[in-house]
Amino acid sequence: MCQQLAEGTRWTRCGHFQRHLVVAIVDCNTTRCERSVYHPRGCRATTCARNFGTEIQRDVDAVDDYCWACKAAQERAARGR
């Protein structure tokens, strides 16, 4: 499957990645992936991959903290919800 190459922020305390921008598509070079330039036009096969594979994440900066979702979850847990 083709993959998206994304740049973003890595939150170092929880390890989550916040995508800012998809900068490129990495082509898998197969005729069985609808995202590939090698996929035949007009193909109607149901076995072809339709979605992108696992995103390739490139860190452009790192923040020594928890992401917003993890902070919110910690606050909810502290309040007993």
C-alpha atoms as a PDB file:
ATOM      1  CA  MET A   1       0.000   0.000   0.000  1.00  0.00           C
ATOM      2  CA  CYS A   2       1.090   3.550  -0.648  1.00  0.00           C
ATOM      3  CA  GLN A   3       1.915   5.639   2.413  1.00  0.00           C
ATOM      4  CA  GLN A   4       1.574   9.277   3.388  1.00  0.00           C
ATOM      5  CA  LEU A   5       4.692  11.056   4.663  1.00  0.00           C
ATOM      6  CA  ALA A   6       3.578  13.487   7.362  1.00  0.00           C
ATOM      7  CA  GLU A   7       5.448  16.134   9.325  1.00  0.00           C
ATOM      8  CA  GLY A   8       4.362  17.169  12.784  1.00  0.00           C
ATOM      9  CA  THR A   9       4.963  17.511  16.502  1.00  0.00           C
ATOM     10  CA  ARG A  10       5.939  14.610  18.763  1.00  0.00           C
ATOM     11  CA  TRP A  11       4.697  14.889  22.349  1.00  0.00           C
ATOM     12  CA  THR A  12       7.541  13.184  24.205  1.00  0.00           C
ATOM     13  CA  ARG A  13       5.806  12.286  27.472  1.00  0.00           C
ATOM     14  CA  CYS A  14       3.015  10.278  25.823  1.00  0.00           C
ATOM     15  CA  GLY A  15       4.657   9.589  22.459  1.00  0.00           C
ATOM     16  CA  HIS A  16       1.693  10.821  20.413  1.00  0.00           C
ATOM     17  CA  PHE A  17       2.177  12.537  17.063  1.00  0.00           C
ATOM     18  CA  GLN A  18       0.248  15.629  15.945  1.00  0.00           C
ATOM     19  CA  ARG A  19       0.269  15.848  12.158  1.00  0.00           C
ATOM     20  CA  HIS A  20       0.639  19.309  10.641  1.00  0.00           C
ATOM     21  CA  LEU A  21       1.076  18.507   6.977  1.00  0.00           C
ATOM     22  CA  VAL A  22       1.248  15.593   4.559  1.00  0.00           C
ATOM     23  CA  VAL A  23       4.320  16.459   2.482  1.00  0.00           C
ATOM     24  CA  ALA A  24       4.498  13.479   0.130  1.00  0.00           C
ATOM     25  CA  ILE A  25       2.980  10.196  -0.947  1.00  0.00           C
ATOM     26  CA  VAL A  26       5.336   7.215  -1.023  1.00  0.00           C
ATOM     27  CA  ASP A  27       4.265   5.054  -3.954  1.00  0.00           C
ATOM     28  CA  CYS A  28       4.279   1.284  -3.401  1.00  0.00           C
ATOM     29  CA  ASN A  29       4.674   0.715  -7.165  1.00  0.00           C
ATOM     30  CA  THR A  30       2.084  -2.050  -7.373  1.00  0.00           C
ATOM     31  CA  THR A  31      -0.803  -2.502  -9.784  1.00  0.00           C
ATOM     32  CA  ARG A  32      -3.014  -3.765  -6.918  1.00  0.00           C
ATOM     33  CA  CYS A  33      -3.085  -0.432  -5.045  1.00  0.00           C
ATOM     34  CA  GLU A  34      -5.577   2.199  -6.174  1.00  0.00           C
ATOM     35  CA  ARG A  35      -3.284   4.967  -4.857  1.00  0.00           C
ATOM     36  CA  SER A  36      -0.300   3.886  -6.967  1.00  0.00           C
ATOM     37  CA  VAL A  37       0.554   5.447 -10.326  1.00  0.00           C
ATOM     38  CA  TYR A  38       0.888   1.864 -11.622  1.00  0.00           C
ATOM     39  CA  HIS A  39      -2.760   1.005 -10.892  1.00  0.00           C
ATOM     40  CA  PRO A  40      -4.567   0.530 -14.228  1.00  0.00           C
ATOM     41  CA  ARG A  41      -7.216   3.094 -15.110  1.00  0.00           C
ATOM     42  CA  GLY A  42     -10.699   1.629 -15.165  1.00  0.00           C
ATOM     43  CA  CYS A  43      -9.756  -1.299 -12.896  1.00  0.00           C
ATOM     44  CA  ARG A  44     -12.831  -2.719 -11.196  1.00  0.00           C
ATOM     45  CA  ALA A  45     -11.149  -5.449  -9.139  1.00  0.00           C
ATOM     46  CA  THR A  46     -12.443  -5.548  -5.574  1.00  0.00           C
ATOM     47  CA  THR A  47      -9.157  -6.973  -4.296  1.00  0.00           C
ATOM     48  CA  CYS A  48      -7.127  -3.790  -4.882  1.00  0.00           C
ATOM     49  CA  ALA A  49      -6.022  -1.834  -1.806  1.00  0.00           C
ATOM     50  CA  ARG A  50      -8.071   1.345  -1.495  1.00  0.00           C
ATOM     51  CA  ASN A  51      -6.581   3.061   1.528  1.00  0.00           C
ATOM     52  CA  PHE A  52      -3.148   4.322   2.418  1.00  0.00           C
ATOM     53  CA  GLY A  53      -0.924   2.120   4.547  1.00  0.00           C
ATOM     54  CA  THR A  54       0.613   3.137   7.858  1.00  0.00           C
ATOM     55  CA  GLU A  55       1.563   6.799   7.922  1.00  0.00           C
ATOM     56  CA  ILE A  56       5.273   7.643   7.938  1.00  0.00           C
ATOM     57  CA  GLN A  57       5.736  10.233  10.673  1.00  0.00           C
ATOM     58  CA  ARG A  58       8.588  12.752  10.515  1.00  0.00           C
ATOM     59  CA  ASP A  59       9.095  14.815  13.660  1.00  0.00           C
ATOM     60  CA  VAL A  60       9.767  18.480  12.942  1.00  0.00           C
ATOM     61  CA  ASP A  61       9.694  19.431  16.615  1.00  0.00           C
ATOM     62  CA  ALA A  62       9.260  17.801  19.998  1.00  0.00           C
ATOM     63  CA  VAL A  63       7.396  19.070  23.039  1.00  0.00           C
ATOM     64  CA  ASP A  64       8.361  17.758  26.487  1.00  0.00           C
ATOM     65  CA  ASP A  65       4.766  17.436  27.661  1.00  0.00           C
ATOM     66  CA  TYR A  66       1.617  15.360  27.188  1.00  0.00           C
ATOM     67  CA  CYS A  67      -0.604  15.977  24.150  1.00  0.00           C
ATOM     68  CA  TRP A  68      -3.923  17.778  24.587  1.00  0.00           C
ATOM     69  CA  ALA A  69      -5.957  14.552  24.551  1.00  0.00           C
ATOM     70  CA  CYS A  70      -3.787  12.937  27.230  1.00  0.00           C
ATOM     71  CA  LYS A  71      -3.932  16.079  29.393  1.00  0.00           C
ATOM     72  CA  ALA A  72      -7.741  16.099  29.123  1.00  0.00           C
ATOM     73  CA  ALA A  73      -7.915  12.388  30.016  1.00  0.00           C
ATOM     74  CA  GLN A  74      -5.689  12.965  33.038  1.00  0.00           C
ATOM     75  CA  GLU A  75      -7.904  15.849  34.209  1.00  0.00           C
ATOM     76  CA  ARG A  76     -11.054  13.721  33.808  1.00  0.00           C
ATOM     77  CA  ALA A  77      -9.430  10.897  35.780  1.00  0.00           C
ATOM     78  CA  ALA A  78      -8.377  13.303  38.531  1.00  0.00           C
ATOM     79  CA  ARG A  79     -11.988  14.510  38.836  1.00  0.00           C
ATOM     80  CA  GLY A  80     -13.220  10.930  39.068  1.00  0.00           C
ATOM     81  CA  ARG A  81     -15.050  10.755  35.732  1.00  0.00           C
END
